[in-house]
Amino acid sequence: MYRKVFLYVCLVLIVACSETQETVAEREQDAISQEVKKEVDLDWLEGEWRDSTSFGGRIIFVESWKKSGENSLVGSKHQIANGTPSSPTELRLVETDGKFYYSYWEEENQTTFVQDSVSEGFLSFVNTTDKFPTNLSYSLKDEVLTISFSGLANGVFRSASFVTKKEIKKN
């Protein structure tokens, strides 16, 4: 009889302790998520960025971002070939539940990337589909924004980077 009571008490204590540890772990994770939200600011991405290499002057890549809310930015990207701009591609960068999501649309098809790593002046993503590119990153250093992407395209690894500088609007 005492043995059954002892086992029952031990079982209750084990369950109570495991629930407490789980709750503490959840609180720590929430605190870390809140800390990330406060520390990471994407204002450095705002503005119009133009590819400084310009591929021999024939093609210029342009990407623009502006804040659209506390936790989001909207943007567009296009290229200018021989002075003629292409149709823009809509971009969206949204922070949800402590993670950033990057999406773009080609015609009716949306492609979304989820944050892989983030710090001040750096942001990298992984594609949520099997579509090229699978990796995308933004890195700001000395007022130069490098936009890189890579992945498998038709079974071949491909990568590219665009070295961009912020366009200063003249009044």
Protein backbone atom coordinates (compact mmCIF):
# COMPACT_ATOMS: atom_id res chain seq x y z
CA MET A 1 0.00 0.00 0.00
CA TYR A 2 2.76 2.44 0.98
CA ARG A 3 4.61 1.46 -2.15
CA LYS A 4 1.63 2.42 -4.37
CA VAL A 5 1.22 5.76 -2.58
CA PHE A 6 4.96 6.43 -2.90
CA LEU A 7 4.88 5.61 -6.64
CA TYR A 8 1.80 7.80 -7.12
CA VAL A 9 3.46 10.76 -5.33
CA CYS A 10 6.64 10.28 -7.40
CA LEU A 11 4.61 10.19 -10.60
CA VAL A 12 2.75 13.38 -9.66
CA LEU A 13 6.05 15.12 -8.84
CA ILE A 14 7.64 14.04 -12.12
CA VAL A 15 4.66 15.30 -14.13
CA ALA A 16 4.57 18.57 -12.18
CA CYS A 17 8.31 19.15 -12.63
CA SER A 18 8.22 18.40 -16.35
CA GLU A 19 5.33 20.84 -16.85
CA THR A 20 7.23 23.51 -14.94
CA GLN A 21 10.38 23.00 -17.00
CA GLU A 22 8.40 23.17 -20.22
CA THR A 23 6.71 26.39 -19.11
CA VAL A 24 10.06 27.94 -18.17
CA ALA A 25 11.51 26.92 -21.56
CA GLU A 26 8.51 28.43 -23.36
CA ARG A 27 8.91 31.68 -21.40
CA GLU A 28 12.63 31.81 -22.25
CA GLN A 29 11.85 31.29 -25.96
CA ASP A 30 9.21 34.03 -25.86
CA ALA A 31 11.71 36.36 -24.17
CA ILE A 32 14.31 35.61 -26.86
CA SER A 33 11.74 36.26 -29.61
CA GLN A 34 10.79 39.57 -28.00
CA GLU A 35 14.48 40.48 -27.71
CA VAL A 36 15.05 39.73 -31.42
CA LYS A 37 12.06 41.88 -32.34
CA LYS A 38 13.44 44.82 -30.36
CA GLU A 39 17.03 44.50 -31.52
CA VAL A 40 16.58 43.89 -35.26
CA ASP A 41 15.69 46.97 -37.24
CA LEU A 42 15.43 46.81 -41.03
CA ASP A 43 15.46 50.57 -41.64
CA TRP A 44 18.87 50.09 -43.28
CA LEU A 45 17.11 48.36 -46.19
CA GLU A 46 14.86 51.32 -47.03
CA GLY A 47 15.53 53.30 -50.20
CA GLU A 48 16.30 52.70 -53.85
CA TRP A 49 19.32 50.51 -54.53
CA ARG A 50 21.00 50.38 -57.95
CA ASP A 51 23.51 47.81 -59.13
CA SER A 52 26.85 49.58 -59.23
CA THR A 53 28.40 47.10 -61.69
CA SER A 54 25.70 47.68 -64.33
CA PHE A 55 26.98 44.81 -66.52
CA GLY A 56 28.98 47.04 -68.81
CA GLY A 57 26.28 49.71 -68.82
CA ARG A 58 23.81 47.48 -70.68
CA ILE A 59 21.65 46.30 -67.74
CA ILE A 60 21.06 48.04 -64.43
CA PHE A 61 19.26 46.21 -61.61
CA VAL A 62 17.13 48.33 -59.27
CA GLU A 63 15.50 47.31 -55.99
CA SER A 64 13.44 49.69 -53.83
CA TRP A 65 12.10 49.26 -50.29
CA LYS A 66 9.90 51.37 -48.03
CA LYS A 67 8.37 50.77 -44.64
CA SER A 68 4.68 49.82 -44.74
CA GLY A 69 4.09 49.16 -41.06
CA GLU A 70 5.89 48.45 -37.83
CA ASN A 71 6.95 44.95 -38.92
CA SER A 72 6.91 45.11 -42.70
CA LEU A 73 8.44 46.63 -45.81
CA VAL A 74 7.13 46.66 -49.37
CA GLY A 75 9.27 46.96 -52.42
CA SER A 76 9.84 46.28 -56.04
CA LYS A 77 12.65 45.18 -58.30
CA HIS A 78 13.21 45.68 -62.00
CA GLN A 79 15.98 46.02 -64.52
CA ILE A 80 16.80 48.73 -67.00
CA ALA A 81 18.12 47.36 -70.28
CA ASN A 82 19.42 49.87 -72.83
CA GLY A 83 17.51 52.63 -71.03
CA THR A 84 14.17 50.77 -71.00
CA PRO A 85 12.82 49.62 -67.60
CA SER A 86 11.20 46.20 -67.31
CA SER A 87 7.93 45.58 -65.52
CA PRO A 88 8.49 45.68 -61.75
CA THR A 89 8.24 42.62 -59.55
CA GLU A 90 6.40 43.22 -56.26
CA LEU A 91 8.34 42.42 -53.08
CA ARG A 92 7.16 42.10 -49.49
CA LEU A 93 9.12 41.62 -46.28
CA VAL A 94 6.99 40.84 -43.21
CA GLU A 95 7.93 39.89 -39.67
CA THR A 96 5.56 37.34 -38.11
CA ASP A 97 6.04 35.45 -34.83
CA GLY A 98 9.67 36.58 -34.54
CA LYS A 99 10.68 35.56 -38.10
CA PHE A 100 10.97 37.54 -41.31
CA TYR A 101 9.31 36.30 -44.50
CA TYR A 102 10.31 37.57 -47.95
CA SER A 103 7.86 37.13 -50.84
CA TYR A 104 7.78 38.10 -54.49
CA TRP A 105 5.24 37.59 -57.24
CA GLU A 106 5.81 36.65 -60.88
CA GLU A 107 2.49 36.95 -62.67
CA GLU A 108 0.11 35.10 -60.31
CA ASN A 109 2.78 32.90 -58.67
CA GLN A 110 4.07 33.79 -55.21
CA THR A 111 7.44 32.59 -53.94
CA THR A 112 8.17 32.91 -50.22
CA PHE A 113 11.43 32.65 -48.31
CA VAL A 114 11.74 32.26 -44.54
CA GLN A 115 14.44 33.93 -42.43
CA ASP A 116 17.53 31.84 -41.92
CA SER A 117 19.72 34.40 -40.15
CA VAL A 118 19.35 38.04 -39.16
CA SER A 119 21.54 40.66 -37.53
CA GLU A 120 22.13 44.38 -37.92
CA GLY A 121 22.91 44.93 -41.61
CA PHE A 122 22.47 41.27 -42.57
CA LEU A 123 19.47 39.17 -43.51
CA SER A 124 19.38 35.74 -45.16
CA PHE A 125 16.50 33.56 -46.27
CA VAL A 126 15.78 30.02 -47.42
CA ASN A 127 13.17 29.30 -50.10
CA THR A 128 10.09 27.41 -48.88
CA THR A 129 9.71 25.70 -52.27
CA ASP A 130 12.02 23.69 -54.53
CA LYS A 131 12.21 26.62 -56.94
CA PHE A 132 15.42 28.51 -57.80
CA PRO A 133 16.90 30.33 -55.95
CA THR A 134 16.98 28.42 -52.68
CA ASN A 135 19.07 30.98 -50.75
CA LEU A 136 18.80 34.77 -50.69
CA SER A 137 20.74 37.28 -48.61
CA TYR A 138 21.13 41.01 -48.07
CA SER A 139 24.31 42.39 -46.55
CA LEU A 140 25.03 46.07 -45.88
CA LYS A 141 28.63 47.17 -45.37
CA ASP A 142 30.05 50.66 -45.78
CA GLU A 143 26.84 51.93 -47.46
CA VAL A 144 27.02 49.15 -50.09
CA LEU A 145 24.18 46.61 -50.16
CA THR A 146 25.09 43.22 -51.60
CA ILE A 147 22.13 41.11 -52.71
CA SER A 148 23.10 37.46 -53.28
CA PHE A 149 21.17 34.39 -54.34
CA SER A 150 22.08 30.79 -55.07
CA GLY A 151 20.71 27.31 -55.57
CA LEU A 152 20.21 24.52 -58.05
CA ALA A 153 18.73 25.48 -61.42
CA ASN A 154 18.04 22.50 -63.69
CA GLY A 155 20.47 20.40 -61.64
CA VAL A 156 23.32 22.94 -61.85
CA PHE A 157 24.41 25.10 -58.91
CA ARG A 158 24.18 28.79 -59.76
CA SER A 159 24.83 31.93 -57.78
CA ALA A 160 24.96 35.66 -58.38
CA SER A 161 25.47 38.83 -56.40
CA PHE A 162 24.49 42.40 -57.06
CA VAL A 163 26.56 45.13 -55.48
CA THR A 164 24.23 48.07 -55.05
CA LYS A 165 24.46 51.60 -53.79
CA LYS A 166 21.62 53.73 -52.46
CA GLU A 167 20.30 56.17 -55.03
CA ILE A 168 20.26 59.70 -53.68
CA LYS A 169 17.21 61.56 -54.95
CA LYS A 170 17.95 65.07 -56.25
CA ASN A 171 15.34 67.75 -55.57
